[in-house]
PDB file of N, CA and C in Angstrom:
ATOM      1  N   MET A   1       0.822  -1.190   0.000  1.00  0.00           N
ATOM      2  CA  MET A   1       0.000   0.000   0.000  1.00  0.00           C
ATOM      3  C   MET A   1       0.872   1.262   0.000  1.00  0.00           C
ATOM      4  N   LEU A   2       1.893   1.315   0.845  1.00  0.00           N
ATOM      5  CA  LEU A   2       2.734   2.504   0.918  1.00  0.00           C
ATOM      6  C   LEU A   2       3.775   2.552  -0.192  1.00  0.00           C
ATOM      7  N   ASN A   3       3.904   1.507  -0.974  1.00  0.00           N
ATOM      8  CA  ASN A   3       4.891   1.491  -2.042  1.00  0.00           C
ATOM      9  C   ASN A   3       4.517   2.412  -3.193  1.00  0.00           C
ATOM     10  N   ASN A   4       3.273   2.788  -3.314  1.00  0.00           N
ATOM     11  CA  ASN A   4       2.803   3.569  -4.454  1.00  0.00           C
ATOM     12  C   ASN A   4       2.460   5.009  -4.093  1.00  0.00           C
ATOM     13  N   ILE A   5       3.091   5.570  -3.077  1.00  0.00           N
ATOM     14  CA  ILE A   5       2.759   6.942  -2.669  1.00  0.00           C
ATOM     15  C   ILE A   5       3.203   7.931  -3.738  1.00  0.00           C
ATOM     16  N   GLY A   6       4.452   7.935  -4.122  1.00  0.00           N
ATOM     17  CA  GLY A   6       4.956   8.810  -5.167  1.00  0.00           C
ATOM     18  C   GLY A   6       5.096  10.254  -4.715  1.00  0.00           C
ATOM     19  N   LEU A   7       5.575  11.092  -5.609  1.00  0.00           N
ATOM     20  CA  LEU A   7       5.818  12.504  -5.317  1.00  0.00           C
ATOM     21  C   LEU A   7       4.524  13.275  -5.026  1.00  0.00           C
ATOM     22  N   PRO A   8       3.467  13.113  -5.803  1.00  0.00           N
ATOM     23  CA  PRO A   8       2.237  13.862  -5.479  1.00  0.00           C
ATOM     24  C   PRO A   8       1.674  13.512  -4.101  1.00  0.00           C
ATOM     25  N   GLY A   9       1.757  12.256  -3.740  1.00  0.00           N
ATOM     26  CA  GLY A   9       1.268  11.856  -2.421  1.00  0.00           C
ATOM     27  C   GLY A   9       2.095  12.457  -1.302  1.00  0.00           C
ATOM     28  N   LEU A  10       3.410  12.487  -1.481  1.00  0.00           N
ATOM     29  CA  LEU A  10       4.282  13.091  -0.470  1.00  0.00           C
ATOM     30  C   LEU A  10       4.031  14.589  -0.346  1.00  0.00           C
ATOM     31  N   LEU A  11       3.821  15.258  -1.473  1.00  0.00           N
ATOM     32  CA  LEU A  11       3.512  16.687  -1.422  1.00  0.00           C
ATOM     33  C   LEU A  11       2.190  16.948  -0.717  1.00  0.00           C
ATOM     34  N   LEU A  12       1.196  16.112  -0.970  1.00  0.00           N
ATOM     35  CA  LEU A  12      -0.092  16.258  -0.304  1.00  0.00           C
ATOM     36  C   LEU A  12       0.050  16.070   1.209  1.00  0.00           C
ATOM     37  N   ILE A  13       0.810  15.073   1.611  1.00  0.00           N
ATOM     38  CA  ILE A  13       1.046  14.832   3.041  1.00  0.00           C
ATOM     39  C   ILE A  13       1.761  16.024   3.665  1.00  0.00           C
ATOM     40  N   ALA A  14       2.771  16.574   2.966  1.00  0.00           N
ATOM     41  CA  ALA A  14       3.508  17.731   3.480  1.00  0.00           C
ATOM     42  C   ALA A  14       2.592  18.942   3.661  1.00  0.00           C
ATOM     43  N   VAL A  15       1.708  19.172   2.699  1.00  0.00           N
ATOM     44  CA  VAL A  15       0.785  20.313   2.797  1.00  0.00           C
ATOM     45  C   VAL A  15      -0.184  20.119   3.955  1.00  0.00           C
ATOM     46  N   VAL A  16      -0.703  18.925   4.121  1.00  0.00           N
ATOM     47  CA  VAL A  16      -1.639  18.654   5.223  1.00  0.00           C
ATOM     48  C   VAL A  16      -0.952  18.854   6.574  1.00  0.00           C
ATOM     49  N   VAL A  17       0.267  18.361   6.705  1.00  0.00           N
ATOM     50  CA  VAL A  17       1.011  18.532   7.958  1.00  0.00           C
ATOM     51  C   VAL A  17       1.271  20.006   8.215  1.00  0.00           C
ATOM     52  N   LEU A  18       1.644  20.742   7.185  1.00  0.00           N
ATOM     53  CA  LEU A  18       1.895  22.180   7.331  1.00  0.00           C
ATOM     54  C   LEU A  18       0.639  22.923   7.766  1.00  0.00           C
ATOM     55  N   VAL A  19      -0.499  22.567   7.195  1.00  0.00           N
ATOM     56  CA  VAL A  19      -1.756  23.227   7.561  1.00  0.00           C
ATOM     57  C   VAL A  19      -2.147  22.872   8.994  1.00  0.00           C
ATOM     58  N   LEU A  20      -1.987  21.622   9.372  1.00  0.00           N
ATOM     59  CA  LEU A  20      -2.399  21.202  10.710  1.00  0.00           C
ATOM     60  C   LEU A  20      -1.520  21.787  11.813  1.00  0.00           C
ATOM     61  N   PHE A  21      -0.214  21.789  11.616  1.00  0.00           N
ATOM     62  CA  PHE A  21       0.681  22.181  12.703  1.00  0.00           C
ATOM     63  C   PHE A  21       1.208  23.600  12.574  1.00  0.00           C
ATOM     64  N   GLY A  22       1.239  24.154  11.413  1.00  0.00           N
ATOM     65  CA  GLY A  22       1.752  25.505  11.234  1.00  0.00           C
ATOM     66  C   GLY A  22       3.263  25.519  11.073  1.00  0.00           C
ATOM     67  N   ARG A  23       3.749  26.581  10.435  1.00  0.00           N
ATOM     68  CA  ARG A  23       5.169  26.680  10.128  1.00  0.00           C
ATOM     69  C   ARG A  23       6.033  26.767  11.385  1.00  0.00           C
ATOM     70  N   GLY A  24       5.598  27.504  12.387  1.00  0.00           N
ATOM     71  CA  GLY A  24       6.385  27.690  13.609  1.00  0.00           C
ATOM     72  C   GLY A  24       6.559  26.397  14.384  1.00  0.00           C
ATOM     73  N   LYS A  25       5.516  25.626  14.472  1.00  0.00           N
ATOM     74  CA  LYS A  25       5.580  24.360  15.209  1.00  0.00           C
ATOM     75  C   LYS A  25       6.502  23.366  14.503  1.00  0.00           C
ATOM     76  N   ILE A  26       6.411  23.293  13.180  1.00  0.00           N
ATOM     77  CA  ILE A  26       7.259  22.381  12.426  1.00  0.00           C
ATOM     78  C   ILE A  26       8.718  22.817  12.520  1.00  0.00           C
ATOM     79  N   SER A  27       8.958  24.125  12.471  1.00  0.00           N
ATOM     80  CA  SER A  27      10.315  24.651  12.576  1.00  0.00           C
ATOM     81  C   SER A  27      10.939  24.301  13.920  1.00  0.00           C
ATOM     82  N   SER A  28      10.201  24.471  14.995  1.00  0.00           N
ATOM     83  CA  SER A  28      10.736  24.139  16.319  1.00  0.00           C
ATOM     84  C   SER A  28      10.928  22.633  16.469  1.00  0.00           C
ATOM     85  N   LEU A  29      10.049  21.859  15.879  1.00  0.00           N
ATOM     86  CA  LEU A  29      10.183  20.404  15.928  1.00  0.00           C
ATOM     87  C   LEU A  29      11.443  19.953  15.198  1.00  0.00           C
ATOM     88  N   MET A  30      11.706  20.514  14.017  1.00  0.00           N
ATOM     89  CA  MET A  30      12.912  20.154  13.265  1.00  0.00           C
ATOM     90  C   MET A  30      14.170  20.598  14.000  1.00  0.00           C
ATOM     91  N   GLY A  31      14.098  21.718  14.717  1.00  0.00           N
ATOM     92  CA  GLY A  31      15.233  22.162  15.539  1.00  0.00           C
ATOM     93  C   GLY A  31      15.535  21.155  16.628  1.00  0.00           C
ATOM     94  N   GLU A  32      14.499  20.635  17.262  1.00  0.00           N
ATOM     95  CA  GLU A  32      14.684  19.631  18.308  1.00  0.00           C
ATOM     96  C   GLU A  32      15.234  18.326  17.737  1.00  0.00           C
ATOM     97  N   VAL A  33      14.773  17.962  16.548  1.00  0.00           N
ATOM     98  CA  VAL A  33      15.293  16.755  15.896  1.00  0.00           C
ATOM     99  C   VAL A  33      16.778  16.933  15.597  1.00  0.00           C
ATOM    100  N   GLY A  34      17.169  18.104  15.118  1.00  0.00           N
ATOM    101  CA  GLY A  34      18.575  18.390  14.846  1.00  0.00           C
ATOM    102  C   GLY A  34      19.431  18.316  16.092  1.00  0.00           C
ATOM    103  N   LYS A  35      18.929  18.857  17.202  1.00  0.00           N
ATOM    104  CA  LYS A  35      19.666  18.784  18.470  1.00  0.00           C
ATOM    105  C   LYS A  35      19.805  17.331  18.927  1.00  0.00           C
ATOM    106  N   GLY A  36      18.771  16.551  18.724  1.00  0.00           N
ATOM    107  CA  GLY A  36      18.823  15.140  19.107  1.00  0.00           C
ATOM    108  C   GLY A  36      19.841  14.367  18.284  1.00  0.00           C
ATOM    109  N   ILE A  37      19.889  14.628  16.982  1.00  0.00           N
ATOM    110  CA  ILE A  37      20.861  13.962  16.122  1.00  0.00           C
ATOM    111  C   ILE A  37      22.280  14.354  16.524  1.00  0.00           C
ATOM    112  N   THR A  38      22.496  15.643  16.801  1.00  0.00           N
ATOM    113  CA  THR A  38      23.816  16.107  17.225  1.00  0.00           C
ATOM    114  C   THR A  38      24.219  15.450  18.536  1.00  0.00           C
ATOM    115  N   SER A  39      23.298  15.355  19.459  1.00  0.00           N
ATOM    116  CA  SER A  39      23.580  14.721  20.745  1.00  0.00           C
ATOM    117  C   SER A  39      23.890  13.237  20.571  1.00  0.00           C
ATOM    118  N   PHE A  40      23.170  12.577  19.690  1.00  0.00           N
ATOM    119  CA  PHE A  40      23.414  11.157  19.429  1.00  0.00           C
ATOM    120  C   PHE A  40      24.803  10.948  18.841  1.00  0.00           C
ATOM    121  N   LYS A  41      25.183  11.772  17.858  1.00  0.00           N
ATOM    122  CA  LYS A  41      26.504  11.659  17.248  1.00  0.00           C
ATOM    123  C   LYS A  41      27.601  11.908  18.273  1.00  0.00           C
ATOM    124  N   LYS A  42      27.401  12.884  19.166  1.00  0.00           N
ATOM    125  CA  LYS A  42      28.398  13.169  20.207  1.00  0.00           C
ATOM    126  C   LYS A  42      28.515  11.994  21.165  1.00  0.00           C
ATOM    127  N   GLY A  43      27.406  11.385  21.511  1.00  0.00           N
ATOM    128  CA  GLY A  43      27.429  10.220  22.394  1.00  0.00           C
ATOM    129  C   GLY A  43      28.133   9.033  21.761  1.00  0.00           C
ATOM    130  N   VAL A  44      27.902   8.811  20.477  1.00  0.00           N
ATOM    131  CA  VAL A  44      28.575   7.714  19.772  1.00  0.00           C
ATOM    132  C   VAL A  44      30.074   7.976  19.718  1.00  0.00           C
ATOM    133  N   SER A  45      30.454   9.216  19.440  1.00  0.00           N
ATOM    134  CA  SER A  45      31.868   9.578  19.375  1.00  0.00           C
ATOM    135  C   SER A  45      32.542   9.402  20.735  1.00  0.00           C
ATOM    136  N   ASP A  46      31.877   9.863  21.793  1.00  0.00           N
ATOM    137  CA  ASP A  46      32.438   9.706  23.140  1.00  0.00           C
ATOM    138  C   ASP A  46      32.557   8.239  23.523  1.00  0.00           C
ATOM    139  N   GLY A  47      31.578   7.445  23.134  1.00  0.00           N
ATOM    140  CA  GLY A  47      31.614   6.013  23.443  1.00  0.00           C
ATOM    141  C   GLY A  47      32.747   5.310  22.732  1.00  0.00           C
ATOM    142  N   SER A  48      32.972   5.656  21.474  1.00  0.00           N
ATOM    143  CA  SER A  48      34.062   5.006  20.734  1.00  0.00           C
ATOM    144  C   SER A  48      35.416   5.458  21.268  1.00  0.00           C
ATOM    145  N   LYS A  49      35.537   6.718  21.697  1.00  0.00           N
ATOM    146  CA  LYS A  49      36.794   7.177  22.317  1.00  0.00           C
ATOM    147  C   LYS A  49      37.045   6.426  23.614  1.00  0.00           C
ATOM    148  N   GLU A  50      35.993   6.217  24.393  1.00  0.00           N
ATOM    149  CA  GLU A  50      36.129   5.496  25.654  1.00  0.00           C
ATOM    150  C   GLU A  50      36.551   4.055  25.412  1.00  0.00           C
ATOM    151  N   LEU A  51      35.986   3.427  24.387  1.00  0.00           N
ATOM    152  CA  LEU A  51      36.374   2.055  24.054  1.00  0.00           C
ATOM    153  C   LEU A  51      37.824   1.988  23.593  1.00  0.00           C
ATOM    154  N   GLU A  52      38.265   2.972  22.811  1.00  0.00           N
ATOM    155  CA  GLU A  52      39.663   3.001  22.380  1.00  0.00           C
ATOM    156  C   GLU A  52      40.594   3.177  23.565  1.00  0.00           C
ATOM    157  N   ASP A  53      40.222   4.042  24.512  1.00  0.00           N
ATOM    158  CA  ASP A  53      41.062   4.266  25.689  1.00  0.00           C
ATOM    159  C   ASP A  53      41.183   3.009  26.538  1.00  0.00           C
ATOM    160  N   THR A  54      40.075   2.295  26.722  1.00  0.00           N
ATOM    161  CA  THR A  54      40.144   1.073  27.524  1.00  0.00           C
ATOM    162  C   THR A  54      40.892  -0.019  26.780  1.00  0.00           C
ATOM    163  N   ALA A  55      40.796  -0.039  25.452  1.00  0.00           N
ATOM    164  CA  ALA A  55      41.538  -1.026  24.672  1.00  0.00           C
ATOM    165  C   ALA A  55      43.033  -0.739  24.742  1.00  0.00           C
ATOM    166  N   ASP A  56      43.436   0.533  24.713  1.00  0.00           N
ATOM    167  CA  ASP A  56      44.852   0.890  24.825  1.00  0.00           C
ATOM    168  C   ASP A  56      45.402   0.509  26.191  1.00  0.00           C
ATOM    169  N   ALA A  57      44.628   0.723  27.224  1.00  0.00           N
ATOM    170  CA  ALA A  57      45.076   0.391  28.577  1.00  0.00           C
ATOM    171  C   ALA A  57      45.156  -1.122  28.756  1.00  0.00           C
ATOM    172  N   ALA A  58      44.299  -1.868  28.088  1.00  0.00           N
ATOM    173  CA  ALA A  58      44.282  -3.322  28.255  1.00  0.00           C
ATOM    174  C   ALA A  58      45.375  -3.994  27.425  1.00  0.00           C
ATOM    175  N   ARG A  59      45.862  -3.372  26.358  1.00  0.00           N
ATOM    176  CA  ARG A  59      46.860  -3.996  25.493  1.00  0.00           C
ATOM    177  C   ARG A  59      48.204  -4.155  26.176  1.00  0.00           C
ATOM    178  N   ASP A  60      48.694  -3.117  26.809  1.00  0.00           N
ATOM    179  CA  ASP A  60      50.043  -3.113  27.356  1.00  0.00           C
ATOM    180  C   ASP A  60      50.004  -3.484  28.834  1.00  0.00           C
ATOM    181  N   VAL A  61      50.229  -4.767  29.120  1.00  0.00           N
ATOM    182  CA  VAL A  61      50.206  -5.239  30.504  1.00  0.00           C
ATOM    183  C   VAL A  61      51.580  -5.708  30.962  1.00  0.00           C
ATOM    184  N   THR A  62      52.610  -5.483  30.138  1.00  0.00           N
ATOM    185  CA  THR A  62      53.960  -5.903  30.493  1.00  0.00           C
ATOM    186  C   THR A  62      54.500  -4.971  31.578  1.00  0.00           C
ATOM    187  N   PRO A  63      55.062  -5.529  32.648  1.00  0.00           N
ATOM    188  CA  PRO A  63      55.653  -4.682  33.694  1.00  0.00           C
ATOM    189  C   PRO A  63      56.823  -3.872  33.132  1.00  0.00           C
ATOM    190  N   GLU A  64      57.090  -2.715  33.719  1.00  0.00           N
ATOM    191  CA  GLU A  64      58.139  -1.820  33.236  1.00  0.00           C
ATOM    192  C   GLU A  64      59.517  -2.478  33.290  1.00  0.00           C
ATOM    193  N   ALA A  65      59.797  -3.283  34.286  1.00  0.00           N
ATOM    194  CA  ALA A  65      61.105  -3.930  34.407  1.00  0.00           C
ATOM    195  C   ALA A  65      61.382  -4.855  33.227  1.00  0.00           C
ATOM    196  N   GLU A  66      60.399  -5.573  32.771  1.00  0.00           N
ATOM    197  CA  GLU A  66      60.567  -6.484  31.640  1.00  0.00           C
ATOM    198  C   GLU A  66      60.698  -5.714  30.330  1.00  0.00           C
ATOM    199  N   LYS A  67      60.070  -4.537  30.231  1.00  0.00           N
ATOM    200  CA  LYS A  67      60.203  -3.713  29.037  1.00  0.00           C
ATOM    201  C   LYS A  67      61.634  -3.219  28.880  1.00  0.00           C
ATOM    202  N   ASP A  68      62.259  -2.835  30.000  1.00  0.00           N
ATOM    203  CA  ASP A  68      63.622  -2.319  29.954  1.00  0.00           C
ATOM    204  C   ASP A  68      64.621  -3.394  29.526  1.00  0.00           C
ATOM    205  N   LYS A  69      64.397  -4.667  29.882  1.00  0.00           N
ATOM    206  CA  LYS A  69      65.290  -5.751  29.528  1.00  0.00           C
ATOM    207  C   LYS A  69      65.248  -6.053  28.036  1.00  0.00           C
ATOM    208  N   ALA A  70      64.119  -5.822  27.438  1.00  0.00           N
ATOM    209  CA  ALA A  70      63.958  -6.145  26.007  1.00  0.00           C
ATOM    210  C   ALA A  70      64.586  -5.137  25.151  1.00  0.00           C
TER     211      ALA A  70
END
């Protein structure tokens, strides 16, 4: 059923949404969506940095005395 929407159907849906909610409401909603996406990307970046830091700390477990002998 949704496979046959096409461009005219999408335009009709966009116009109906614009009429129902108004330009200001849609603008503020898109601003919030943008902030959410930015926050998600920052969280993913922080998580991957944290994983890299723990992986670096876990790799090198050789005591300093044995490193000096090598």
